[in-house]
């Protein structure tokens, strides 16, 4: 059923676009934000900086534990997509960022 509806809409669009005076609709702006993986990376970097500025050892350890949990989610996301090399590179990038900011 879905295919027949879509097929009809495509035929209708093809007929309309060939008519004189046809004005195509404005392109749709992306309504999506950053990809989830980029949100994870940004969050990890923010938390590492926060941990680097934290003087209280217990709070710092709690922040770093949260960083580790997010890092695991991020790397698992890449691994589940079969992007093993990207996961390795991201892990190295996070490690370098951690060394610079802690």
PDB file of N, CA and C in Angstrom:
ATOM      1  N   UNK A   1       0.821  -1.198   0.000  1.00  0.00           N
ATOM      2  CA  UNK A   1       0.000   0.000   0.000  1.00  0.00           C
ATOM      3  C   UNK A   1       0.869   1.267   0.000  1.00  0.00           C
ATOM      4  N   UNK A   2       1.899   1.261   0.859  1.00  0.00           N
ATOM      5  CA  UNK A   2       2.781   2.418   0.942  1.00  0.00           C
ATOM      6  C   UNK A   2       3.439   2.690  -0.404  1.00  0.00           C
ATOM      7  N   UNK A   3       3.867   1.604  -1.080  1.00  0.00           N
ATOM      8  CA  UNK A   3       4.530   1.764  -2.369  1.00  0.00           C
ATOM      9  C   UNK A   3       3.610   2.417  -3.394  1.00  0.00           C
ATOM     10  N   UNK A   4       2.330   2.024  -3.388  1.00  0.00           N
ATOM     11  CA  UNK A   4       1.400   2.603  -4.370  1.00  0.00           C
ATOM     12  C   UNK A   4       1.148   4.084  -4.096  1.00  0.00           C
ATOM     13  N   UNK A   5       1.094   4.458  -2.829  1.00  0.00           N
ATOM     14  CA  UNK A   5       0.907   5.867  -2.474  1.00  0.00           C
ATOM     15  C   UNK A   5       2.126   6.671  -2.917  1.00  0.00           C
ATOM     16  N   UNK A   6       3.313   6.152  -2.634  1.00  0.00           N
ATOM     17  CA  UNK A   6       4.538   6.852  -3.015  1.00  0.00           C
ATOM     18  C   UNK A   6       4.678   6.928  -4.534  1.00  0.00           C
ATOM     19  N   UNK A   7       4.311   5.849  -5.207  1.00  0.00           N
ATOM     20  CA  UNK A   7       4.392   5.840  -6.667  1.00  0.00           C
ATOM     21  C   UNK A   7       3.464   6.899  -7.262  1.00  0.00           C
ATOM     22  N   UNK A   8       2.280   7.025  -6.706  1.00  0.00           N
ATOM     23  CA  UNK A   8       1.317   8.028  -7.171  1.00  0.00           C
ATOM     24  C   UNK A   8       1.849   9.440  -6.930  1.00  0.00           C
ATOM     25  N   UNK A   9       2.454   9.659  -5.757  1.00  0.00           N
ATOM     26  CA  UNK A   9       3.013  10.984  -5.436  1.00  0.00           C
ATOM     27  C   UNK A   9       4.174  11.329  -6.370  1.00  0.00           C
ATOM     28  N   UNK A  10       5.001  10.347  -6.688  1.00  0.00           N
ATOM     29  CA  UNK A  10       6.128  10.588  -7.601  1.00  0.00           C
ATOM     30  C   UNK A  10       5.616  10.946  -8.987  1.00  0.00           C
ATOM     31  N   UNK A  11       4.605  10.215  -9.466  1.00  0.00           N
ATOM     32  CA  UNK A  11       4.024  10.514 -10.787  1.00  0.00           C
ATOM     33  C   UNK A  11       3.425  11.919 -10.797  1.00  0.00           C
ATOM     34  N   UNK A  12       2.723  12.258  -9.717  1.00  0.00           N
ATOM     35  CA  UNK A  12       2.107  13.581  -9.617  1.00  0.00           C
ATOM     36  C   UNK A  12       3.184  14.666  -9.637  1.00  0.00           C
ATOM     37  N   UNK A  13       4.270  14.446  -8.913  1.00  0.00           N
ATOM     38  CA  UNK A  13       5.356  15.428  -8.878  1.00  0.00           C
ATOM     39  C   UNK A  13       6.001  15.562 -10.257  1.00  0.00           C
ATOM     40  N   UNK A  14       6.219  14.427 -10.938  1.00  0.00           N
ATOM     41  CA  UNK A  14       6.808  14.472 -12.280  1.00  0.00           C
ATOM     42  C   UNK A  14       5.929  15.258 -13.248  1.00  0.00           C
ATOM     43  N   UNK A  15       4.615  15.114 -13.138  1.00  0.00           N
ATOM     44  CA  UNK A  15       3.703  15.867 -14.003  1.00  0.00           C
ATOM     45  C   UNK A  15       3.761  17.361 -13.684  1.00  0.00           C
ATOM     46  N   UNK A  16       3.774  17.691 -12.404  1.00  0.00           N
ATOM     47  CA  UNK A  16       3.782  19.100 -11.986  1.00  0.00           C
ATOM     48  C   UNK A  16       5.087  19.800 -12.361  1.00  0.00           C
ATOM     49  N   UNK A  17       6.201  19.133 -12.211  1.00  0.00           N
ATOM     50  CA  UNK A  17       7.486  19.798 -12.469  1.00  0.00           C
ATOM     51  C   UNK A  17       7.698  20.070 -13.956  1.00  0.00           C
ATOM     52  N   UNK A  18       6.962  19.375 -14.812  1.00  0.00           N
ATOM     53  CA  UNK A  18       7.094  19.587 -16.260  1.00  0.00           C
ATOM     54  C   UNK A  18       6.145  20.662 -16.791  1.00  0.00           C
ATOM     55  N   UNK A  19       5.262  21.144 -15.951  1.00  0.00           N
ATOM     56  CA  UNK A  19       4.333  22.191 -16.373  1.00  0.00           C
ATOM     57  C   UNK A  19       5.064  23.524 -16.426  1.00  0.00           C
ATOM     58  N   UNK A  20       4.663  24.404 -17.377  1.00  0.00           N
ATOM     59  CA  UNK A  20       5.286  25.732 -17.427  1.00  0.00           C
ATOM     60  C   UNK A  20       4.981  26.520 -16.146  1.00  0.00           C
ATOM     61  N   UNK A  21       5.947  27.274 -15.703  1.00  0.00           N
ATOM     62  CA  UNK A  21       5.761  28.109 -14.521  1.00  0.00           C
ATOM     63  C   UNK A  21       5.956  27.361 -13.210  1.00  0.00           C
ATOM     64  N   UNK A  22       6.388  26.139 -13.277  1.00  0.00           N
ATOM     65  CA  UNK A  22       6.602  25.362 -12.046  1.00  0.00           C
ATOM     66  C   UNK A  22       7.739  25.983 -11.235  1.00  0.00           C
ATOM     67  N   UNK A  23       7.480  26.206  -9.984  1.00  0.00           N
ATOM     68  CA  UNK A  23       8.494  26.728  -9.062  1.00  0.00           C
ATOM     69  C   UNK A  23       8.763  25.638  -8.025  1.00  0.00           C
ATOM     70  N   UNK A  24       9.993  25.155  -7.985  1.00  0.00           N
ATOM     71  CA  UNK A  24      10.284  24.097  -7.012  1.00  0.00           C
ATOM     72  C   UNK A  24      10.183  24.624  -5.586  1.00  0.00           C
ATOM     73  N   UNK A  25       9.819  23.759  -4.667  1.00  0.00           N
ATOM     74  CA  UNK A  25       9.744  24.195  -3.260  1.00  0.00           C
ATOM     75  C   UNK A  25      11.132  24.520  -2.728  1.00  0.00           C
ATOM     76  N   UNK A  26      11.153  25.334  -1.689  1.00  0.00           N
ATOM     77  CA  UNK A  26      12.425  25.670  -1.049  1.00  0.00           C
ATOM     78  C   UNK A  26      13.032  24.405  -0.445  1.00  0.00           C
ATOM     79  N   UNK A  27      14.347  24.311  -0.463  1.00  0.00           N
ATOM     80  CA  UNK A  27      14.965  23.142   0.163  1.00  0.00           C
ATOM     81  C   UNK A  27      14.666  23.115   1.655  1.00  0.00           C
ATOM     82  N   UNK A  28      14.548  21.927   2.170  1.00  0.00           N
ATOM     83  CA  UNK A  28      14.278  21.755   3.596  1.00  0.00           C
ATOM     84  C   UNK A  28      15.585  21.891   4.346  1.00  0.00           C
ATOM     85  N   UNK A  29      15.589  22.780   5.317  1.00  0.00           N
ATOM     86  CA  UNK A  29      16.766  22.905   6.179  1.00  0.00           C
ATOM     87  C   UNK A  29      16.790  21.712   7.115  1.00  0.00           C
ATOM     88  N   UNK A  30      17.953  21.271   7.420  1.00  0.00           N
ATOM     89  CA  UNK A  30      18.088  20.145   8.323  1.00  0.00           C
ATOM     90  C   UNK A  30      17.481  20.506   9.674  1.00  0.00           C
ATOM     91  N   UNK A  31      16.654  19.628  10.175  1.00  0.00           N
ATOM     92  CA  UNK A  31      16.051  19.856  11.483  1.00  0.00           C
ATOM     93  C   UNK A  31      16.773  19.055  12.549  1.00  0.00           C
ATOM     94  N   UNK A  32      17.823  18.390  12.132  1.00  0.00           N
ATOM     95  CA  UNK A  32      18.565  17.571  13.065  1.00  0.00           C
ATOM     96  C   UNK A  32      19.761  18.337  13.593  1.00  0.00           C
ATOM     97  N   UNK A  33      20.146  17.989  14.786  1.00  0.00           N
ATOM     98  CA  UNK A  33      21.338  18.589  15.365  1.00  0.00           C
ATOM     99  C   UNK A  33      22.558  17.789  14.959  1.00  0.00           C
ATOM    100  N   UNK A  34      23.542  17.796  15.813  1.00  0.00           N
ATOM    101  CA  UNK A  34      24.762  17.045  15.553  1.00  0.00           C
ATOM    102  C   UNK A  34      24.467  15.550  15.650  1.00  0.00           C
ATOM    103  N   UNK A  35      25.271  14.755  14.978  1.00  0.00           N
ATOM    104  CA  UNK A  35      25.135  13.304  15.151  1.00  0.00           C
ATOM    105  C   UNK A  35      25.402  12.936  16.609  1.00  0.00           C
ATOM    106  N   UNK A  36      24.817  11.852  17.039  1.00  0.00           N
ATOM    107  CA  UNK A  36      24.949  11.416  18.425  1.00  0.00           C
ATOM    108  C   UNK A  36      26.411  11.252  18.818  1.00  0.00           C
ATOM    109  N   UNK A  37      27.209  10.684  17.925  1.00  0.00           N
ATOM    110  CA  UNK A  37      28.616  10.483  18.236  1.00  0.00           C
ATOM    111  C   UNK A  37      29.334  11.807  18.496  1.00  0.00           C
ATOM    112  N   UNK A  38      28.999  12.836  17.735  1.00  0.00           N
ATOM    113  CA  UNK A  38      29.623  14.148  17.950  1.00  0.00           C
ATOM    114  C   UNK A  38      29.167  14.746  19.274  1.00  0.00           C
ATOM    115  N   UNK A  39      27.914  14.517  19.634  1.00  0.00           N
ATOM    116  CA  UNK A  39      27.423  14.972  20.945  1.00  0.00           C
ATOM    117  C   UNK A  39      28.217  14.294  22.057  1.00  0.00           C
ATOM    118  N   UNK A  40      28.472  12.996  21.909  1.00  0.00           N
ATOM    119  CA  UNK A  40      29.277  12.272  22.896  1.00  0.00           C
ATOM    120  C   UNK A  40      30.679  12.866  22.998  1.00  0.00           C
ATOM    121  N   UNK A  41      31.312  13.110  21.858  1.00  0.00           N
ATOM    122  CA  UNK A  41      32.678  13.658  21.851  1.00  0.00           C
ATOM    123  C   UNK A  41      32.708  15.024  22.527  1.00  0.00           C
ATOM    124  N   UNK A  42      31.764  15.888  22.172  1.00  0.00           N
ATOM    125  CA  UNK A  42      31.705  17.221  22.782  1.00  0.00           C
ATOM    126  C   UNK A  42      31.505  17.124  24.291  1.00  0.00           C
ATOM    127  N   UNK A  43      30.610  16.228  24.706  1.00  0.00           N
ATOM    128  CA  UNK A  43      30.327  16.049  26.124  1.00  0.00           C
ATOM    129  C   UNK A  43      31.566  15.536  26.856  1.00  0.00           C
ATOM    130  N   UNK A  44      32.262  14.584  26.260  1.00  0.00           N
ATOM    131  CA  UNK A  44      33.488  14.045  26.860  1.00  0.00           C
ATOM    132  C   UNK A  44      34.519  15.153  27.045  1.00  0.00           C
ATOM    133  N   UNK A  45      34.730  15.952  26.011  1.00  0.00           N
ATOM    134  CA  UNK A  45      35.729  17.019  26.096  1.00  0.00           C
ATOM    135  C   UNK A  45      35.355  18.055  27.155  1.00  0.00           C
ATOM    136  N   UNK A  46      34.084  18.421  27.222  1.00  0.00           N
ATOM    137  CA  UNK A  46      33.636  19.378  28.244  1.00  0.00           C
ATOM    138  C   UNK A  46      33.873  18.833  29.646  1.00  0.00           C
ATOM    139  N   UNK A  47      33.556  17.549  29.839  1.00  0.00           N
ATOM    140  CA  UNK A  47      33.722  16.950  31.156  1.00  0.00           C
ATOM    141  C   UNK A  47      35.197  16.796  31.527  1.00  0.00           C
ATOM    142  N   UNK A  48      36.046  16.499  30.569  1.00  0.00           N
ATOM    143  CA  UNK A  48      37.480  16.398  30.852  1.00  0.00           C
ATOM    144  C   UNK A  48      38.022  17.751  31.299  1.00  0.00           C
ATOM    145  N   UNK A  49      37.609  18.810  30.614  1.00  0.00           N
ATOM    146  CA  UNK A  49      38.032  20.158  31.011  1.00  0.00           C
ATOM    147  C   UNK A  49      37.512  20.478  32.414  1.00  0.00           C
ATOM    148  N   UNK A  50      36.259  20.117  32.661  1.00  0.00           N
ATOM    149  CA  UNK A  50      35.673  20.341  33.988  1.00  0.00           C
ATOM    150  C   UNK A  50      36.455  19.577  35.060  1.00  0.00           C
ATOM    151  N   UNK A  51      36.813  18.336  34.768  1.00  0.00           N
ATOM    152  CA  UNK A  51      37.584  17.525  35.720  1.00  0.00           C
ATOM    153  C   UNK A  51      38.960  18.137  35.945  1.00  0.00           C
ATOM    154  N   UNK A  52      39.563  18.678  34.894  1.00  0.00           N
ATOM    155  CA  UNK A  52      40.874  19.306  35.019  1.00  0.00           C
ATOM    156  C   UNK A  52      40.855  20.533  35.904  1.00  0.00           C
ATOM    157  N   UNK A  53      39.707  21.191  35.971  1.00  0.00           N
ATOM    158  CA  UNK A  53      39.577  22.396  36.789  1.00  0.00           C
ATOM    159  C   UNK A  53      39.070  22.100  38.199  1.00  0.00           C
ATOM    160  N   UNK A  54      38.706  20.849  38.447  1.00  0.00           N
ATOM    161  CA  UNK A  54      38.135  20.468  39.745  1.00  0.00           C
ATOM    162  C   UNK A  54      39.245  20.178  40.751  1.00  0.00           C
ATOM    163  N   UNK A  55      39.138  20.780  41.937  1.00  0.00           N
ATOM    164  CA  UNK A  55      40.131  20.569  42.997  1.00  0.00           C
ATOM    165  C   UNK A  55      39.737  19.432  43.929  1.00  0.00           C
ATOM    166  N   UNK A  56      38.457  19.196  44.073  1.00  0.00           N
ATOM    167  CA  UNK A  56      37.962  18.139  44.949  1.00  0.00           C
ATOM    168  C   UNK A  56      38.176  16.792  44.263  1.00  0.00           C
ATOM    169  N   UNK A  57      38.971  15.934  44.908  1.00  0.00           N
ATOM    170  CA  UNK A  57      39.345  14.638  44.321  1.00  0.00           C
ATOM    171  C   UNK A  57      38.111  13.775  44.056  1.00  0.00           C
ATOM    172  N   UNK A  58      37.178  13.735  44.990  1.00  0.00           N
ATOM    173  CA  UNK A  58      35.992  12.891  44.832  1.00  0.00           C
ATOM    174  C   UNK A  58      35.135  13.355  43.651  1.00  0.00           C
ATOM    175  N   UNK A  59      34.959  14.667  43.518  1.00  0.00           N
ATOM    176  CA  UNK A  59      34.187  15.203  42.397  1.00  0.00           C
ATOM    177  C   UNK A  59      34.898  14.930  41.074  1.00  0.00           C
ATOM    178  N   UNK A  60      36.217  15.093  41.100  1.00  0.00           N
ATOM    179  CA  UNK A  60      37.014  14.853  39.897  1.00  0.00           C
ATOM    180  C   UNK A  60      36.877  13.396  39.449  1.00  0.00           C
ATOM    181  N   UNK A  61      36.959  12.470  40.401  1.00  0.00           N
ATOM    182  CA  UNK A  61      36.815  11.044  40.082  1.00  0.00           C
ATOM    183  C   UNK A  61      35.426  10.733  39.549  1.00  0.00           C
ATOM    184  N   UNK A  62      34.403  11.377  40.106  1.00  0.00           N
ATOM    185  CA  UNK A  62      33.029  11.161  39.632  1.00  0.00           C
ATOM    186  C   UNK A  62      32.869  11.662  38.194  1.00  0.00           C
ATOM    187  N   UNK A  63      33.462  12.800  37.916  1.00  0.00           N
ATOM    188  CA  UNK A  63      33.404  13.355  36.547  1.00  0.00           C
ATOM    189  C   UNK A  63      34.115  12.422  35.577  1.00  0.00           C
ATOM    190  N   UNK A  64      35.294  11.940  35.968  1.00  0.00           N
ATOM    191  CA  UNK A  64      36.061  11.048  35.097  1.00  0.00           C
ATOM    192  C   UNK A  64      35.355   9.703  34.898  1.00  0.00           C
ATOM    193  N   UNK A  65      34.614   9.270  35.902  1.00  0.00           N
ATOM    194  CA  UNK A  65      33.820   8.044  35.750  1.00  0.00           C
ATOM    195  C   UNK A  65      32.721   8.267  34.711  1.00  0.00           C
ATOM    196  N   UNK A  66      32.100   9.428  34.754  1.00  0.00           N
ATOM    197  CA  UNK A  66      31.078   9.772  33.759  1.00  0.00           C
ATOM    198  C   UNK A  66      31.691   9.849  32.360  1.00  0.00           C
ATOM    199  N   UNK A  67      32.895  10.413  32.272  1.00  0.00           N
ATOM    200  CA  UNK A  67      33.609  10.474  30.992  1.00  0.00           C
ATOM    201  C   UNK A  67      33.816   9.064  30.452  1.00  0.00           C
ATOM    202  N   UNK A  68      34.250   8.164  31.307  1.00  0.00           N
ATOM    203  CA  UNK A  68      34.514   6.784  30.881  1.00  0.00           C
ATOM    204  C   UNK A  68      33.230   6.115  30.375  1.00  0.00           C
ATOM    205  N   UNK A  69      32.112   6.345  31.069  1.00  0.00           N
ATOM    206  CA  UNK A  69      30.835   5.756  30.647  1.00  0.00           C
ATOM    207  C   UNK A  69      30.407   6.279  29.271  1.00  0.00           C
ATOM    208  N   UNK A  70      30.561   7.563  29.061  1.00  0.00           N
ATOM    209  CA  UNK A  70      30.193   8.150  27.760  1.00  0.00           C
ATOM    210  C   UNK A  70      31.149   7.651  26.674  1.00  0.00           C
ATOM    211  N   UNK A  71      32.426   7.550  27.027  1.00  0.00           N
ATOM    212  CA  UNK A  71      33.416   7.065  26.066  1.00  0.00           C
ATOM    213  C   UNK A  71      33.084   5.635  25.624  1.00  0.00           C
ATOM    214  N   UNK A  72      32.659   4.806  26.553  1.00  0.00           N
ATOM    215  CA  UNK A  72      32.275   3.434  26.219  1.00  0.00           C
ATOM    216  C   UNK A  72      31.084   3.434  25.264  1.00  0.00           C
ATOM    217  N   UNK A  73      30.087   4.265  25.554  1.00  0.00           N
ATOM    218  CA  UNK A  73      28.926   4.362  24.660  1.00  0.00           C
ATOM    219  C   UNK A  73      29.347   4.801  23.263  1.00  0.00           C
ATOM    220  N   UNK A  74      30.234   5.796  23.209  1.00  0.00           N
ATOM    221  CA  UNK A  74      30.704   6.313  21.929  1.00  0.00           C
ATOM    222  C   UNK A  74      31.431   5.241  21.133  1.00  0.00           C
ATOM    223  N   UNK A  75      32.375   4.579  21.776  1.00  0.00           N
ATOM    224  CA  UNK A  75      33.161   3.569  21.077  1.00  0.00           C
ATOM    225  C   UNK A  75      32.304   2.376  20.674  1.00  0.00           C
ATOM    226  N   UNK A  76      31.356   1.997  21.509  1.00  0.00           N
ATOM    227  CA  UNK A  76      30.446   0.898  21.153  1.00  0.00           C
ATOM    228  C   UNK A  76      29.576   1.280  19.967  1.00  0.00           C
ATOM    229  N   UNK A  77      29.192   2.528  19.896  1.00  0.00           N
ATOM    230  CA  UNK A  77      28.393   2.996  18.766  1.00  0.00           C
ATOM    231  C   UNK A  77      29.156   2.810  17.461  1.00  0.00           C
ATOM    232  N   UNK A  78      30.434   3.216  17.455  1.00  0.00           N
ATOM    233  CA  UNK A  78      31.257   3.041  16.256  1.00  0.00           C
ATOM    234  C   UNK A  78      31.504   1.559  15.967  1.00  0.00           C
ATOM    235  N   UNK A  79      31.794   0.788  16.996  1.00  0.00           N
ATOM    236  CA  UNK A  79      32.050  -0.639  16.811  1.00  0.00           C
ATOM    237  C   UNK A  79      30.821  -1.352  16.253  1.00  0.00           C
ATOM    238  N   UNK A  80      29.648  -1.010  16.766  1.00  0.00           N
ATOM    239  CA  UNK A  80      28.418  -1.640  16.295  1.00  0.00           C
ATOM    240  C   UNK A  80      28.113  -1.313  14.840  1.00  0.00           C
ATOM    241  N   UNK A  81      28.638  -0.196  14.364  1.00  0.00           N
ATOM    242  CA  UNK A  81      28.462   0.189  12.967  1.00  0.00           C
ATOM    243  C   UNK A  81      29.565  -0.396  12.082  1.00  0.00           C
ATOM    244  N   UNK A  82      30.489  -1.137  12.698  1.00  0.00           N
ATOM    245  CA  UNK A  82      31.595  -1.720  11.951  1.00  0.00           C
ATOM    246  C   UNK A  82      32.704  -0.727  11.650  1.00  0.00           C
ATOM    247  N   UNK A  83      32.714   0.391  12.356  1.00  0.00           N
ATOM    248  CA  UNK A  83      33.704   1.446  12.127  1.00  0.00           C
ATOM    249  C   UNK A  83      34.837   1.319  13.144  1.00  0.00           C
ATOM    250  N   UNK A  84      35.559   0.201  13.056  1.00  0.00           N
ATOM    251  CA  UNK A  84      36.585  -0.123  14.041  1.00  0.00           C
ATOM    252  C   UNK A  84      37.758   0.851  14.011  1.00  0.00           C
ATOM    253  N   UNK A  85      38.186   1.237  12.817  1.00  0.00           N
ATOM    254  CA  UNK A  85      39.314   2.162  12.695  1.00  0.00           C
ATOM    255  C   UNK A  85      38.958   3.534  13.264  1.00  0.00           C
ATOM    256  N   UNK A  86      37.752   3.987  13.002  1.00  0.00           N
ATOM    257  CA  UNK A  86      37.311   5.275  13.548  1.00  0.00           C
ATOM    258  C   UNK A  86      37.259   5.191  15.069  1.00  0.00           C
ATOM    259  N   UNK A  87      36.776   4.072  15.594  1.00  0.00           N
ATOM    260  CA  UNK A  87      36.724   3.902  17.052  1.00  0.00           C
ATOM    261  C   UNK A  87      38.118   4.012  17.655  1.00  0.00           C
ATOM    262  N   UNK A  88      39.103   3.396  16.997  1.00  0.00           N
ATOM    263  CA  UNK A  88      40.479   3.465  17.490  1.00  0.00           C
ATOM    264  C   UNK A  88      41.020   4.887  17.447  1.00  0.00           C
ATOM    265  N   UNK A  89      40.743   5.580  16.342  1.00  0.00           N
ATOM    266  CA  UNK A  89      41.232   6.959  16.210  1.00  0.00           C
ATOM    267  C   UNK A  89      40.573   7.880  17.225  1.00  0.00           C
ATOM    268  N   UNK A  90      39.280   7.709  17.445  1.00  0.00           N
ATOM    269  CA  UNK A  90      38.567   8.535  18.429  1.00  0.00           C
ATOM    270  C   UNK A  90      39.104   8.255  19.831  1.00  0.00           C
ATOM    271  N   UNK A  91      39.346   6.985  20.124  1.00  0.00           N
ATOM    272  CA  UNK A  91      39.877   6.635  21.435  1.00  0.00           C
ATOM    273  C   UNK A  91      41.240   7.295  21.654  1.00  0.00           C
ATOM    274  N   UNK A  92      42.070   7.300  20.626  1.00  0.00           N
ATOM    275  CA  UNK A  92      43.384   7.947  20.716  1.00  0.00           C
ATOM    276  C   UNK A  92      43.224   9.453  20.889  1.00  0.00           C
ATOM    277  N   UNK A  93      42.282  10.042  20.144  1.00  0.00           N
ATOM    278  CA  UNK A  93      42.031  11.489  20.247  1.00  0.00           C
ATOM    279  C   UNK A  93      41.592  11.867  21.662  1.00  0.00           C
ATOM    280  N   UNK A  94      40.704  11.071  22.242  1.00  0.00           N
ATOM    281  CA  UNK A  94      40.223  11.340  23.601  1.00  0.00           C
ATOM    282  C   UNK A  94      41.371  11.205  24.596  1.00  0.00           C
ATOM    283  N   UNK A  95      42.198  10.180  24.399  1.00  0.00           N
ATOM    284  CA  UNK A  95      43.340   9.964  25.283  1.00  0.00           C
ATOM    285  C   UNK A  95      44.290  11.161  25.237  1.00  0.00           C
ATOM    286  N   UNK A  96      44.573  11.662  24.048  1.00  0.00           N
ATOM    287  CA  UNK A  96      45.447  12.835  23.899  1.00  0.00           C
ATOM    288  C   UNK A  96      44.810  14.068  24.533  1.00  0.00           C
ATOM    289  N   UNK A  97      43.494  14.239  24.335  1.00  0.00           N
ATOM    290  CA  UNK A  97      42.792  15.377  24.917  1.00  0.00           C
ATOM    291  C   UNK A  97      42.848  15.299  26.441  1.00  0.00           C
ATOM    292  N   UNK A  98      42.681  14.083  26.961  1.00  0.00           N
ATOM    293  CA  UNK A  98      42.734  13.881  28.410  1.00  0.00           C
ATOM    294  C   UNK A  98      44.118  14.237  28.945  1.00  0.00           C
ATOM    295  N   UNK A  99      45.175  13.840  28.246  1.00  0.00           N
ATOM    296  CA  UNK A  99      46.543  14.119  28.702  1.00  0.00           C
ATOM    297  C   UNK A  99      46.824  15.617  28.704  1.00  0.00           C
ATOM    298  N   UNK A 100      46.294  16.342  27.726  1.00  0.00           N
ATOM    299  CA  UNK A 100      46.533  17.792  27.632  1.00  0.00           C
ATOM    300  C   UNK A 100      45.753  18.569  28.683  1.00  0.00           C
ATOM    301  N   UNK A 101      44.604  18.058  29.083  1.00  0.00           N
ATOM    302  CA  UNK A 101      43.702  18.862  29.914  1.00  0.00           C
ATOM    303  C   UNK A 101      43.546  18.377  31.354  1.00  0.00           C
ATOM    304  N   UNK A 102      44.238  17.324  31.725  1.00  0.00           N
ATOM    305  CA  UNK A 102      44.146  16.874  33.126  1.00  0.00           C
ATOM    306  C   UNK A 102      45.455  17.125  33.843  1.00  0.00           C
TER     307      UNK A 102
END
